[in-house]
PDB file of N, CA and C in Angstrom:
ATOM      1  N   UNK A   1      19.082  31.084 -21.249  1.00  0.00           N
ATOM      2  CA  UNK A   1      18.024  30.698 -20.439  1.00  0.00           C
ATOM      3  C   UNK A   1      17.319  31.666 -19.579  1.00  0.00           C
ATOM      4  N   UNK A   2      18.048  32.656 -18.949  1.00  0.00           N
ATOM      5  CA  UNK A   2      17.551  33.681 -18.208  1.00  0.00           C
ATOM      6  C   UNK A   2      16.780  34.631 -19.114  1.00  0.00           C
ATOM      7  N   UNK A   3      17.298  35.077 -20.229  1.00  0.00           N
ATOM      8  CA  UNK A   3      16.760  36.092 -21.167  1.00  0.00           C
ATOM      9  C   UNK A   3      15.407  35.518 -21.689  1.00  0.00           C
ATOM     10  N   UNK A   4      15.467  34.155 -21.951  1.00  0.00           N
ATOM     11  CA  UNK A   4      14.288  33.508 -22.677  1.00  0.00           C
ATOM     12  C   UNK A   4      13.084  33.378 -21.735  1.00  0.00           C
ATOM     13  N   UNK A   5      13.564  33.045 -20.413  1.00  0.00           N
ATOM     14  CA  UNK A   5      12.497  32.857 -19.370  1.00  0.00           C
ATOM     15  C   UNK A   5      11.870  34.319 -19.028  1.00  0.00           C
ATOM     16  N   UNK A   6      12.598  35.350 -18.859  1.00  0.00           N
ATOM     17  CA  UNK A   6      11.961  36.657 -18.672  1.00  0.00           C
ATOM     18  C   UNK A   6      11.054  37.107 -19.780  1.00  0.00           C
ATOM     19  N   UNK A   7      11.674  36.891 -21.188  1.00  0.00           N
ATOM     20  CA  UNK A   7      10.701  37.178 -22.354  1.00  0.00           C
ATOM     21  C   UNK A   7       9.419  36.287 -22.275  1.00  0.00           C
ATOM     22  N   UNK A   8       9.455  35.129 -22.017  1.00  0.00           N
ATOM     23  CA  UNK A   8       8.258  34.302 -21.959  1.00  0.00           C
ATOM     24  C   UNK A   8       7.504  34.729 -20.699  1.00  0.00           C
ATOM     25  N   UNK A   9       7.970  35.048 -19.681  1.00  0.00           N
ATOM     26  CA  UNK A   9       7.207  35.564 -18.484  1.00  0.00           C
ATOM     27  C   UNK A   9       6.541  36.834 -18.800  1.00  0.00           C
ATOM     28  N   UNK A  10       6.998  37.582 -19.641  1.00  0.00           N
ATOM     29  CA  UNK A  10       6.500  38.916 -19.882  1.00  0.00           C
ATOM     30  C   UNK A  10       5.251  38.735 -20.931  1.00  0.00           C
ATOM     31  N   UNK A  11       5.404  37.718 -21.728  1.00  0.00           N
ATOM     32  CA  UNK A  11       4.358  37.292 -22.670  1.00  0.00           C
ATOM     33  C   UNK A  11       3.134  36.643 -21.924  1.00  0.00           C
ATOM     34  N   UNK A  12       3.606  35.822 -21.010  1.00  0.00           N
ATOM     35  CA  UNK A  12       2.575  35.100 -20.035  1.00  0.00           C
ATOM     36  C   UNK A  12       1.712  36.186 -19.288  1.00  0.00           C
ATOM     37  N   UNK A  13       2.455  37.268 -18.779  1.00  0.00           N
ATOM     38  CA  UNK A  13       1.722  38.274 -17.936  1.00  0.00           C
ATOM     39  C   UNK A  13       1.040  39.022 -18.877  1.00  0.00           C
ATOM     40  N   UNK A  14       1.222  39.283 -20.138  1.00  0.00           N
ATOM     41  CA  UNK A  14       0.454  39.882 -21.020  1.00  0.00           C
ATOM     42  C   UNK A  14      -0.726  39.049 -21.616  1.00  0.00           C
ATOM     43  N   UNK A  15      -0.791  37.732 -21.169  1.00  0.00           N
ATOM     44  CA  UNK A  15      -1.872  36.913 -21.617  1.00  0.00           C
ATOM     45  C   UNK A  15      -1.675  36.255 -22.839  1.00  0.00           C
ATOM     46  N   UNK A  16      -0.489  36.350 -23.641  1.00  0.00           N
ATOM     47  CA  UNK A  16      -0.038  35.843 -24.889  1.00  0.00           C
ATOM     48  C   UNK A  16       0.135  34.359 -24.732  1.00  0.00           C
ATOM     49  N   UNK A  17       0.684  33.789 -23.631  1.00  0.00           N
ATOM     50  CA  UNK A  17       0.912  32.396 -23.521  1.00  0.00           C
ATOM     51  C   UNK A  17       0.501  32.118 -22.108  1.00  0.00           C
ATOM     52  N   UNK A  18       0.359  30.838 -21.940  1.00  0.00           N
ATOM     53  CA  UNK A  18       0.027  30.181 -20.716  1.00  0.00           C
ATOM     54  C   UNK A  18       1.007  30.295 -19.692  1.00  0.00           C
ATOM     55  N   UNK A  19       0.614  30.360 -18.278  1.00  0.00           N
ATOM     56  CA  UNK A  19       1.591  30.519 -17.333  1.00  0.00           C
ATOM     57  C   UNK A  19       1.769  29.158 -16.818  1.00  0.00           C
ATOM     58  N   UNK A  20       3.143  28.627 -17.023  1.00  0.00           N
ATOM     59  CA  UNK A  20       3.417  27.395 -16.502  1.00  0.00           C
ATOM     60  C   UNK A  20       4.007  27.449 -14.987  1.00  0.00           C
ATOM     61  N   UNK A  21       4.027  26.398 -14.486  1.00  0.00           N
ATOM     62  CA  UNK A  21       4.602  26.184 -12.936  1.00  0.00           C
ATOM     63  C   UNK A  21       5.964  26.962 -12.768  1.00  0.00           C
ATOM     64  N   UNK A  22       6.688  26.650 -13.889  1.00  0.00           N
ATOM     65  CA  UNK A  22       8.241  27.285 -13.776  1.00  0.00           C
ATOM     66  C   UNK A  22       8.173  28.895 -13.963  1.00  0.00           C
ATOM     67  N   UNK A  23       7.366  29.302 -14.895  1.00  0.00           N
ATOM     68  CA  UNK A  23       7.118  30.758 -15.055  1.00  0.00           C
ATOM     69  C   UNK A  23       6.550  31.337 -13.844  1.00  0.00           C
ATOM     70  N   UNK A  24       5.602  30.590 -12.965  1.00  0.00           N
ATOM     71  CA  UNK A  24       4.956  31.116 -11.856  1.00  0.00           C
ATOM     72  C   UNK A  24       6.164  31.219 -10.770  1.00  0.00           C
ATOM     73  N   UNK A  25       7.018  30.259 -10.693  1.00  0.00           N
ATOM     74  CA  UNK A  25       8.055  30.143  -9.716  1.00  0.00           C
ATOM     75  C   UNK A  25       9.036  31.300  -9.950  1.00  0.00           C
ATOM     76  N   UNK A  26       9.264  31.563 -11.332  1.00  0.00           N
ATOM     77  CA  UNK A  26      10.408  32.750 -11.590  1.00  0.00           C
ATOM     78  C   UNK A  26       9.626  33.967 -11.243  1.00  0.00           C
ATOM     79  N   UNK A  27       8.307  34.235 -11.581  1.00  0.00           N
ATOM     80  CA  UNK A  27       7.609  35.398 -11.107  1.00  0.00           C
ATOM     81  C   UNK A  27       7.606  35.650  -9.723  1.00  0.00           C
ATOM     82  N   UNK A  28       7.222  34.666  -8.881  1.00  0.00           N
ATOM     83  CA  UNK A  28       7.282  34.677  -7.469  1.00  0.00           C
ATOM     84  C   UNK A  28       8.701  35.066  -7.043  1.00  0.00           C
ATOM     85  N   UNK A  29       9.624  34.353  -7.399  1.00  0.00           N
ATOM     86  CA  UNK A  29      11.073  34.777  -6.930  1.00  0.00           C
ATOM     87  C   UNK A  29      11.265  36.116  -7.316  1.00  0.00           C
ATOM     88  N   UNK A  30      11.169  36.575  -8.388  1.00  0.00           N
ATOM     89  CA  UNK A  30      11.552  37.987  -8.972  1.00  0.00           C
ATOM     90  C   UNK A  30      10.858  39.069  -8.035  1.00  0.00           C
ATOM     91  N   UNK A  31       9.383  38.743  -7.826  1.00  0.00           N
ATOM     92  CA  UNK A  31       8.497  39.614  -7.043  1.00  0.00           C
ATOM     93  C   UNK A  31       9.123  39.790  -5.705  1.00  0.00           C
ATOM     94  N   UNK A  32       9.609  38.705  -5.092  1.00  0.00           N
ATOM     95  CA  UNK A  32      10.244  38.759  -3.578  1.00  0.00           C
ATOM     96  C   UNK A  32      11.652  39.059  -3.653  1.00  0.00           C
ATOM     97  N   UNK A  33      12.213  39.459  -4.871  1.00  0.00           N
ATOM     98  CA  UNK A  33      13.679  39.854  -4.737  1.00  0.00           C
ATOM     99  C   UNK A  33      14.647  38.660  -4.528  1.00  0.00           C
ATOM    100  N   UNK A  34      14.071  37.349  -4.835  1.00  0.00           N
ATOM    101  CA  UNK A  34      14.899  36.316  -4.736  1.00  0.00           C
ATOM    102  C   UNK A  34      15.524  35.825  -6.142  1.00  0.00           C
ATOM    103  N   UNK A  35      16.558  34.782  -6.188  1.00  0.00           N
ATOM    104  CA  UNK A  35      16.885  34.180  -7.371  1.00  0.00           C
ATOM    105  C   UNK A  35      16.129  32.991  -7.661  1.00  0.00           C
ATOM    106  N   UNK A  36      15.499  33.028  -8.830  1.00  0.00           N
ATOM    107  CA  UNK A  36      14.687  31.821  -9.260  1.00  0.00           C
ATOM    108  C   UNK A  36      15.545  30.678  -9.335  1.00  0.00           C
ATOM    109  N   UNK A  37      14.863  29.501  -8.798  1.00  0.00           N
ATOM    110  CA  UNK A  37      15.679  28.220  -8.787  1.00  0.00           C
ATOM    111  C   UNK A  37      16.268  27.810  -9.968  1.00  0.00           C
ATOM    112  N   UNK A  38      15.496  28.070 -11.211  1.00  0.00           N
ATOM    113  CA  UNK A  38      16.038  27.673 -12.521  1.00  0.00           C
ATOM    114  C   UNK A  38      17.355  28.302 -12.881  1.00  0.00           C
ATOM    115  N   UNK A  39      17.476  29.697 -12.422  1.00  0.00           N
ATOM    116  CA  UNK A  39      18.500  30.478 -12.664  1.00  0.00           C
ATOM    117  C   UNK A  39      19.703  30.100 -11.823  1.00  0.00           C
ATOM    118  N   UNK A  40      19.494  29.718 -10.473  1.00  0.00           N
ATOM    119  CA  UNK A  40      20.648  29.335  -9.699  1.00  0.00           C
ATOM    120  C   UNK A  40      21.567  28.199 -10.246  1.00  0.00           C
ATOM    121  N   UNK A  41      20.998  27.297 -11.072  1.00  0.00           N
ATOM    122  CA  UNK A  41      21.793  26.301 -11.654  1.00  0.00           C
ATOM    123  C   UNK A  41      22.830  26.922 -12.559  1.00  0.00           C
ATOM    124  N   UNK A  42      22.701  28.152 -13.006  1.00  0.00           N
ATOM    125  CA  UNK A  42      23.484  28.848 -14.049  1.00  0.00           C
ATOM    126  C   UNK A  42      24.965  29.359 -13.397  1.00  0.00           C
ATOM    127  N   UNK A  43      25.049  29.406 -12.101  1.00  0.00           N
ATOM    128  CA  UNK A  43      26.041  30.040 -11.517  1.00  0.00           C
ATOM    129  C   UNK A  43      26.326  29.301 -10.094  1.00  0.00           C
ATOM    130  N   UNK A  44      27.551  29.598  -9.554  1.00  0.00           N
ATOM    131  CA  UNK A  44      27.860  28.919  -8.321  1.00  0.00           C
ATOM    132  C   UNK A  44      26.799  29.376  -7.108  1.00  0.00           C
ATOM    133  N   UNK A  45      26.717  28.618  -6.074  1.00  0.00           N
ATOM    134  CA  UNK A  45      25.877  28.797  -5.029  1.00  0.00           C
ATOM    135  C   UNK A  45      26.267  30.242  -4.347  1.00  0.00           C
ATOM    136  N   UNK A  46      25.312  30.975  -3.960  1.00  0.00           N
ATOM    137  CA  UNK A  46      25.553  32.293  -3.403  1.00  0.00           C
ATOM    138  C   UNK A  46      24.434  32.573  -2.231  1.00  0.00           C
ATOM    139  N   UNK A  47      24.794  33.412  -1.415  1.00  0.00           N
ATOM    140  CA  UNK A  47      23.849  34.036  -0.504  1.00  0.00           C
ATOM    141  C   UNK A  47      23.331  35.519  -1.020  1.00  0.00           C
ATOM    142  N   UNK A  48      23.897  35.860  -2.158  1.00  0.00           N
ATOM    143  CA  UNK A  48      23.592  37.275  -2.594  1.00  0.00           C
ATOM    144  C   UNK A  48      22.243  37.482  -2.879  1.00  0.00           C
ATOM    145  N   UNK A  49      21.790  38.855  -2.746  1.00  0.00           N
ATOM    146  CA  UNK A  49      20.403  39.278  -3.097  1.00  0.00           C
ATOM    147  C   UNK A  49      20.107  39.131  -4.714  1.00  0.00           C
ATOM    148  N   UNK A  50      19.059  39.245  -5.117  1.00  0.00           N
ATOM    149  CA  UNK A  50      18.811  39.135  -6.534  1.00  0.00           C
ATOM    150  C   UNK A  50      19.663  40.096  -7.319  1.00  0.00           C
ATOM    151  N   UNK A  51      19.648  41.536  -6.850  1.00  0.00           N
ATOM    152  CA  UNK A  51      20.161  42.659  -7.549  1.00  0.00           C
ATOM    153  C   UNK A  51      21.791  42.362  -7.416  1.00  0.00           C
ATOM    154  N   UNK A  52      22.373  41.952  -6.364  1.00  0.00           N
ATOM    155  CA  UNK A  52      23.681  41.790  -6.404  1.00  0.00           C
ATOM    156  C   UNK A  52      24.219  40.659  -7.208  1.00  0.00           C
ATOM    157  N   UNK A  53      23.382  39.501  -7.209  1.00  0.00           N
ATOM    158  CA  UNK A  53      23.601  38.259  -7.970  1.00  0.00           C
ATOM    159  C   UNK A  53      23.642  38.731  -9.503  1.00  0.00           C
ATOM    160  N   UNK A  54      22.402  39.410  -9.856  1.00  0.00           N
ATOM    161  CA  UNK A  54      22.570  39.692 -11.425  1.00  0.00           C
ATOM    162  C   UNK A  54      23.820  40.638 -11.637  1.00  0.00           C
ATOM    163  N   UNK A  55      24.155  41.499 -10.917  1.00  0.00           N
ATOM    164  CA  UNK A  55      25.389  42.406 -11.281  1.00  0.00           C
ATOM    165  C   UNK A  55      26.635  41.395 -11.198  1.00  0.00           C
ATOM    166  N   UNK A  56      26.805  40.441 -10.244  1.00  0.00           N
ATOM    167  CA  UNK A  56      27.894  39.444 -10.416  1.00  0.00           C
ATOM    168  C   UNK A  56      27.828  38.709 -11.584  1.00  0.00           C
ATOM    169  N   UNK A  57      26.614  38.258 -12.040  1.00  0.00           N
ATOM    170  CA  UNK A  57      26.393  37.345 -13.198  1.00  0.00           C
ATOM    171  C   UNK A  57      26.823  38.099 -14.335  1.00  0.00           C
ATOM    172  N   UNK A  58      26.510  39.442 -14.473  1.00  0.00           N
ATOM    173  CA  UNK A  58      26.845  40.228 -15.727  1.00  0.00           C
ATOM    174  C   UNK A  58      28.316  40.434 -15.787  1.00  0.00           C
ATOM    175  N   UNK A  59      29.045  40.633 -14.621  1.00  0.00           N
ATOM    176  CA  UNK A  59      30.464  40.666 -14.585  1.00  0.00           C
ATOM    177  C   UNK A  59      31.157  39.366 -15.082  1.00  0.00           C
ATOM    178  N   UNK A  60      30.704  38.310 -14.607  1.00  0.00           N
ATOM    179  CA  UNK A  60      31.110  36.892 -15.008  1.00  0.00           C
ATOM    180  C   UNK A  60      30.938  36.773 -16.408  1.00  0.00           C
ATOM    181  N   UNK A  61      29.746  37.098 -16.858  1.00  0.00           N
ATOM    182  CA  UNK A  61      29.536  36.977 -18.449  1.00  0.00           C
ATOM    183  C   UNK A  61      30.463  37.778 -19.259  1.00  0.00           C
ATOM    184  N   UNK A  62      30.694  38.912 -18.795  1.00  0.00           N
ATOM    185  CA  UNK A  62      31.659  39.897 -19.524  1.00  0.00           C
ATOM    186  C   UNK A  62      33.041  39.279 -19.457  1.00  0.00           C
ATOM    187  N   UNK A  63      33.459  38.803 -18.289  1.00  0.00           N
ATOM    188  CA  UNK A  63      34.713  38.137 -18.351  1.00  0.00           C
ATOM    189  C   UNK A  63      34.809  37.006 -19.293  1.00  0.00           C
ATOM    190  N   UNK A  64      33.944  36.140 -19.263  1.00  0.00           N
ATOM    191  CA  UNK A  64      33.978  34.886 -20.214  1.00  0.00           C
ATOM    192  C   UNK A  64      33.809  35.441 -21.613  1.00  0.00           C
ATOM    193  N   UNK A  65      33.070  36.321 -22.013  1.00  0.00           N
ATOM    194  CA  UNK A  65      32.986  36.878 -23.284  1.00  0.00           C
ATOM    195  C   UNK A  65      34.315  37.451 -23.802  1.00  0.00           C
ATOM    196  N   UNK A  66      34.894  38.208 -22.873  1.00  0.00           N
ATOM    197  CA  UNK A  66      36.156  38.872 -23.324  1.00  0.00           C
ATOM    198  C   UNK A  66      37.295  37.841 -23.427  1.00  0.00           C
ATOM    199  N   UNK A  67      37.161  36.718 -22.732  1.00  0.00           N
ATOM    200  CA  UNK A  67      38.123  35.677 -22.852  1.00  0.00           C
ATOM    201  C   UNK A  67      38.002  34.956 -24.127  1.00  0.00           C
ATOM    202  N   UNK A  68      36.887  34.786 -24.548  1.00  0.00           N
ATOM    203  CA  UNK A  68      36.452  34.163 -25.807  1.00  0.00           C
ATOM    204  C   UNK A  68      36.975  34.976 -26.969  1.00  0.00           C
ATOM    205  N   UNK A  69      36.703  36.308 -26.904  1.00  0.00           N
ATOM    206  CA  UNK A  69      36.934  37.132 -28.004  1.00  0.00           C
ATOM    207  C   UNK A  69      38.414  37.632 -28.059  1.00  0.00           C
ATOM    208  N   UNK A  70      39.131  37.864 -26.900  1.00  0.00           N
ATOM    209  CA  UNK A  70      40.317  38.549 -26.973  1.00  0.00           C
ATOM    210  C   UNK A  70      41.395  37.396 -26.382  1.00  0.00           C
ATOM    211  N   UNK A  71      41.102  36.235 -25.905  1.00  0.00           N
ATOM    212  CA  UNK A  71      41.976  35.343 -25.383  1.00  0.00           C
ATOM    213  C   UNK A  71      42.142  35.494 -23.925  1.00  0.00           C
ATOM    214  N   UNK A  72      42.977  34.706 -23.463  1.00  0.00           N
ATOM    215  CA  UNK A  72      43.246  34.624 -22.016  1.00  0.00           C
ATOM    216  C   UNK A  72      43.618  35.999 -21.440  1.00  0.00           C
ATOM    217  N   UNK A  73      43.094  36.471 -20.457  1.00  0.00           N
ATOM    218  CA  UNK A  73      43.395  37.857 -19.939  1.00  0.00           C
ATOM    219  C   UNK A  73      44.739  37.766 -19.155  1.00  0.00           C
ATOM    220  N   UNK A  74      45.522  38.832 -19.100  1.00  0.00           N
ATOM    221  CA  UNK A  74      46.738  38.794 -18.213  1.00  0.00           C
ATOM    222  C   UNK A  74      46.475  38.812 -16.843  1.00  0.00           C
ATOM    223  N   UNK A  75      45.288  39.420 -16.433  1.00  0.00           N
ATOM    224  CA  UNK A  75      44.729  39.336 -15.031  1.00  0.00           C
ATOM    225  C   UNK A  75      43.348  38.578 -15.032  1.00  0.00           C
ATOM    226  N   UNK A  76      43.241  37.659 -14.123  1.00  0.00           N
ATOM    227  CA  UNK A  76      41.915  36.854 -13.934  1.00  0.00           C
ATOM    228  C   UNK A  76      41.269  37.212 -12.673  1.00  0.00           C
ATOM    229  N   UNK A  77      40.061  37.439 -12.801  1.00  0.00           N
ATOM    230  CA  UNK A  77      39.090  37.720 -11.655  1.00  0.00           C
ATOM    231  C   UNK A  77      38.647  36.296 -11.171  1.00  0.00           C
ATOM    232  N   UNK A  78      39.308  35.893 -10.342  1.00  0.00           N
ATOM    233  CA  UNK A  78      39.214  34.351  -9.808  1.00  0.00           C
ATOM    234  C   UNK A  78      37.663  34.070  -9.269  1.00  0.00           C
ATOM    235  N   UNK A  79      37.191  34.977  -8.463  1.00  0.00           N
ATOM    236  CA  UNK A  79      35.944  34.871  -7.925  1.00  0.00           C
ATOM    237  C   UNK A  79      34.787  34.927  -8.947  1.00  0.00           C
ATOM    238  N   UNK A  80      35.205  35.236 -10.191  1.00  0.00           N
ATOM    239  CA  UNK A  80      34.365  35.312 -11.223  1.00  0.00           C
ATOM    240  C   UNK A  80      34.221  34.066 -12.016  1.00  0.00           C
ATOM    241  N   UNK A  81      34.984  33.053 -11.699  1.00  0.00           N
ATOM    242  CA  UNK A  81      35.093  31.833 -12.309  1.00  0.00           C
ATOM    243  C   UNK A  81      34.219  30.932 -11.609  1.00  0.00           C
ATOM    244  N   UNK A  82      33.549  29.984 -12.387  1.00  0.00           N
ATOM    245  CA  UNK A  82      32.687  29.012 -11.736  1.00  0.00           C
ATOM    246  C   UNK A  82      33.348  28.006 -10.819  1.00  0.00           C
ATOM    247  N   UNK A  83      34.587  27.565 -11.183  1.00  0.00           N
ATOM    248  CA  UNK A  83      35.317  26.738 -10.386  1.00  0.00           C
ATOM    249  C   UNK A  83      36.832  27.223 -10.537  1.00  0.00           C
ATOM    250  N   UNK A  84      37.124  28.251  -9.809  1.00  0.00           N
ATOM    251  CA  UNK A  84      38.504  28.807  -9.682  1.00  0.00           C
ATOM    252  C   UNK A  84      39.586  27.780  -9.534  1.00  0.00           C
ATOM    253  N   UNK A  85      39.413  26.862  -8.655  1.00  0.00           N
ATOM    254  CA  UNK A  85      40.476  25.707  -8.423  1.00  0.00           C
ATOM    255  C   UNK A  85      40.888  25.073  -9.834  1.00  0.00           C
ATOM    256  N   UNK A  86      39.895  24.828 -10.633  1.00  0.00           N
ATOM    257  CA  UNK A  86      40.394  24.195 -11.969  1.00  0.00           C
ATOM    258  C   UNK A  86      41.264  25.012 -12.672  1.00  0.00           C
ATOM    259  N   UNK A  87      41.072  26.251 -12.741  1.00  0.00           N
ATOM    260  CA  UNK A  87      41.678  27.317 -13.493  1.00  0.00           C
ATOM    261  C   UNK A  87      43.044  27.369 -12.926  1.00  0.00           C
ATOM    262  N   UNK A  88      43.274  27.459 -11.611  1.00  0.00           N
ATOM    263  CA  UNK A  88      44.665  27.538 -11.051  1.00  0.00           C
ATOM    264  C   UNK A  88      45.272  26.195 -11.340  1.00  0.00           C
ATOM    265  N   UNK A  89      44.693  24.994 -11.369  1.00  0.00           N
ATOM    266  CA  UNK A  89      45.363  23.685 -11.533  1.00  0.00           C
ATOM    267  C   UNK A  89      45.884  23.696 -12.904  1.00  0.00           C
ATOM    268  N   UNK A  90      45.096  24.206 -13.972  1.00  0.00           N
ATOM    269  CA  UNK A  90      45.476  24.308 -15.264  1.00  0.00           C
ATOM    270  C   UNK A  90      46.785  25.307 -15.443  1.00  0.00           C
ATOM    271  N   UNK A  91      46.792  26.326 -14.641  1.00  0.00           N
ATOM    272  CA  UNK A  91      47.907  27.098 -14.740  1.00  0.00           C
ATOM    273  C   UNK A  91      49.154  26.556 -14.308  1.00  0.00           C
ATOM    274  N   UNK A  92      49.010  25.781 -13.166  1.00  0.00           N
ATOM    275  CA  UNK A  92      50.226  25.144 -12.726  1.00  0.00           C
ATOM    276  C   UNK A  92      50.763  24.050 -13.674  1.00  0.00           C
ATOM    277  N   UNK A  93      49.838  23.258 -14.315  1.00  0.00           N
ATOM    278  CA  UNK A  93      50.152  22.349 -15.250  1.00  0.00           C
ATOM    279  C   UNK A  93      50.847  22.786 -16.522  1.00  0.00           C
ATOM    280  N   UNK A  94      50.404  23.929 -17.016  1.00  0.00           N
ATOM    281  CA  UNK A  94      50.886  24.684 -18.142  1.00  0.00           C
ATOM    282  C   UNK A  94      52.059  25.194 -18.023  1.00  0.00           C
ATOM    283  N   UNK A  95      52.466  25.784 -16.782  1.00  0.00           N
ATOM    284  CA  UNK A  95      53.814  26.300 -16.443  1.00  0.00           C
ATOM    285  C   UNK A  95      54.616  25.167 -16.214  1.00  0.00           C
ATOM    286  N   UNK A  96      54.373  23.994 -15.614  1.00  0.00           N
ATOM    287  CA  UNK A  96      55.285  22.934 -15.641  1.00  0.00           C
ATOM    288  C   UNK A  96      55.553  22.489 -16.959  1.00  0.00           C
ATOM    289  N   UNK A  97      54.683  22.384 -17.912  1.00  0.00           N
ATOM    290  CA  UNK A  97      55.129  21.765 -19.124  1.00  0.00           C
ATOM    291  C   UNK A  97      55.795  22.913 -19.835  1.00  0.00           C
ATOM    292  N   UNK A  98      55.497  24.075 -19.742  1.00  0.00           N
ATOM    293  CA  UNK A  98      56.398  25.233 -20.457  1.00  0.00           C
ATOM    294  C   UNK A  98      57.980  25.169 -20.100  1.00  0.00           C
ATOM    295  N   UNK A  99      58.104  24.907 -18.738  1.00  0.00           N
ATOM    296  CA  UNK A  99      59.429  25.034 -18.023  1.00  0.00           C
ATOM    297  C   UNK A  99      60.067  23.788 -17.910  1.00  0.00           C
ATOM    298  N   UNK A 100      59.297  22.589 -18.322  1.00  0.00           N
ATOM    299  CA  UNK A 100      59.874  21.303 -18.154  1.00  0.00           C
ATOM    300  C   UNK A 100      60.131  20.949 -16.703  1.00  0.00           C
ATOM    301  N   UNK A 101      59.217  21.316 -15.778  1.00  0.00           N
ATOM    302  CA  UNK A 101      59.334  20.877 -14.470  1.00  0.00           C
ATOM    303  C   UNK A 101      58.465  19.755 -14.107  1.00  0.00           C
ATOM    304  N   UNK A 102      58.894  18.873 -13.331  1.00  0.00           N
ATOM    305  CA  UNK A 102      58.028  17.924 -12.942  1.00  0.00           C
ATOM    306  C   UNK A 102      56.717  18.210 -12.089  1.00  0.00           C
ATOM    307  N   UNK A 103      55.683  17.813 -12.599  1.00  0.00           N
ATOM    308  CA  UNK A 103      54.226  18.225 -12.052  1.00  0.00           C
ATOM    309  C   UNK A 103      54.151  17.791 -10.612  1.00  0.00           C
ATOM    310  N   UNK A 104      54.814  16.594 -10.214  1.00  0.00           N
ATOM    311  CA  UNK A 104      54.593  16.139  -8.802  1.00  0.00           C
ATOM    312  C   UNK A 104      55.359  16.934  -7.878  1.00  0.00           C
ATOM    313  N   UNK A 105      56.218  17.812  -8.292  1.00  0.00           N
ATOM    314  CA  UNK A 105      57.110  18.683  -7.402  1.00  0.00           C
ATOM    315  C   UNK A 105      56.550  20.161  -7.355  1.00  0.00           C
ATOM    316  N   UNK A 106      55.366  20.405  -8.001  1.00  0.00           N
ATOM    317  CA  UNK A 106      54.866  21.880  -8.262  1.00  0.00           C
ATOM    318  C   UNK A 106      54.097  22.243  -7.070  1.00  0.00           C
ATOM    319  N   UNK A 107      53.766  21.413  -6.164  1.00  0.00           N
ATOM    320  CA  UNK A 107      52.720  21.796  -5.246  1.00  0.00           C
ATOM    321  C   UNK A 107      53.543  21.762  -3.680  1.00  0.00           C
TER     322      UNK A 107
END
């Protein structure tokens, strides 16, 4: 979504396509160093600046890509997960199943 919107914005600025309200909002946000609203929905809420948000987004993307290609990592960057609590819950459940422990006594 981000890559497509930036490419479309570039085409709109070059006059190749019309400027929609969404593209105008993206252009205004980028010009002001803010995160466009349509991009905010792609990641957890944050108070980061645009530059820091993009760097964080790229690290998260790399983590997910590596997980898909190489399997679950031995060390997980929890703040890079969209909902880290869900991952931790899954770890507890998997450990309980693996060891035959009752789940209700795991917390």
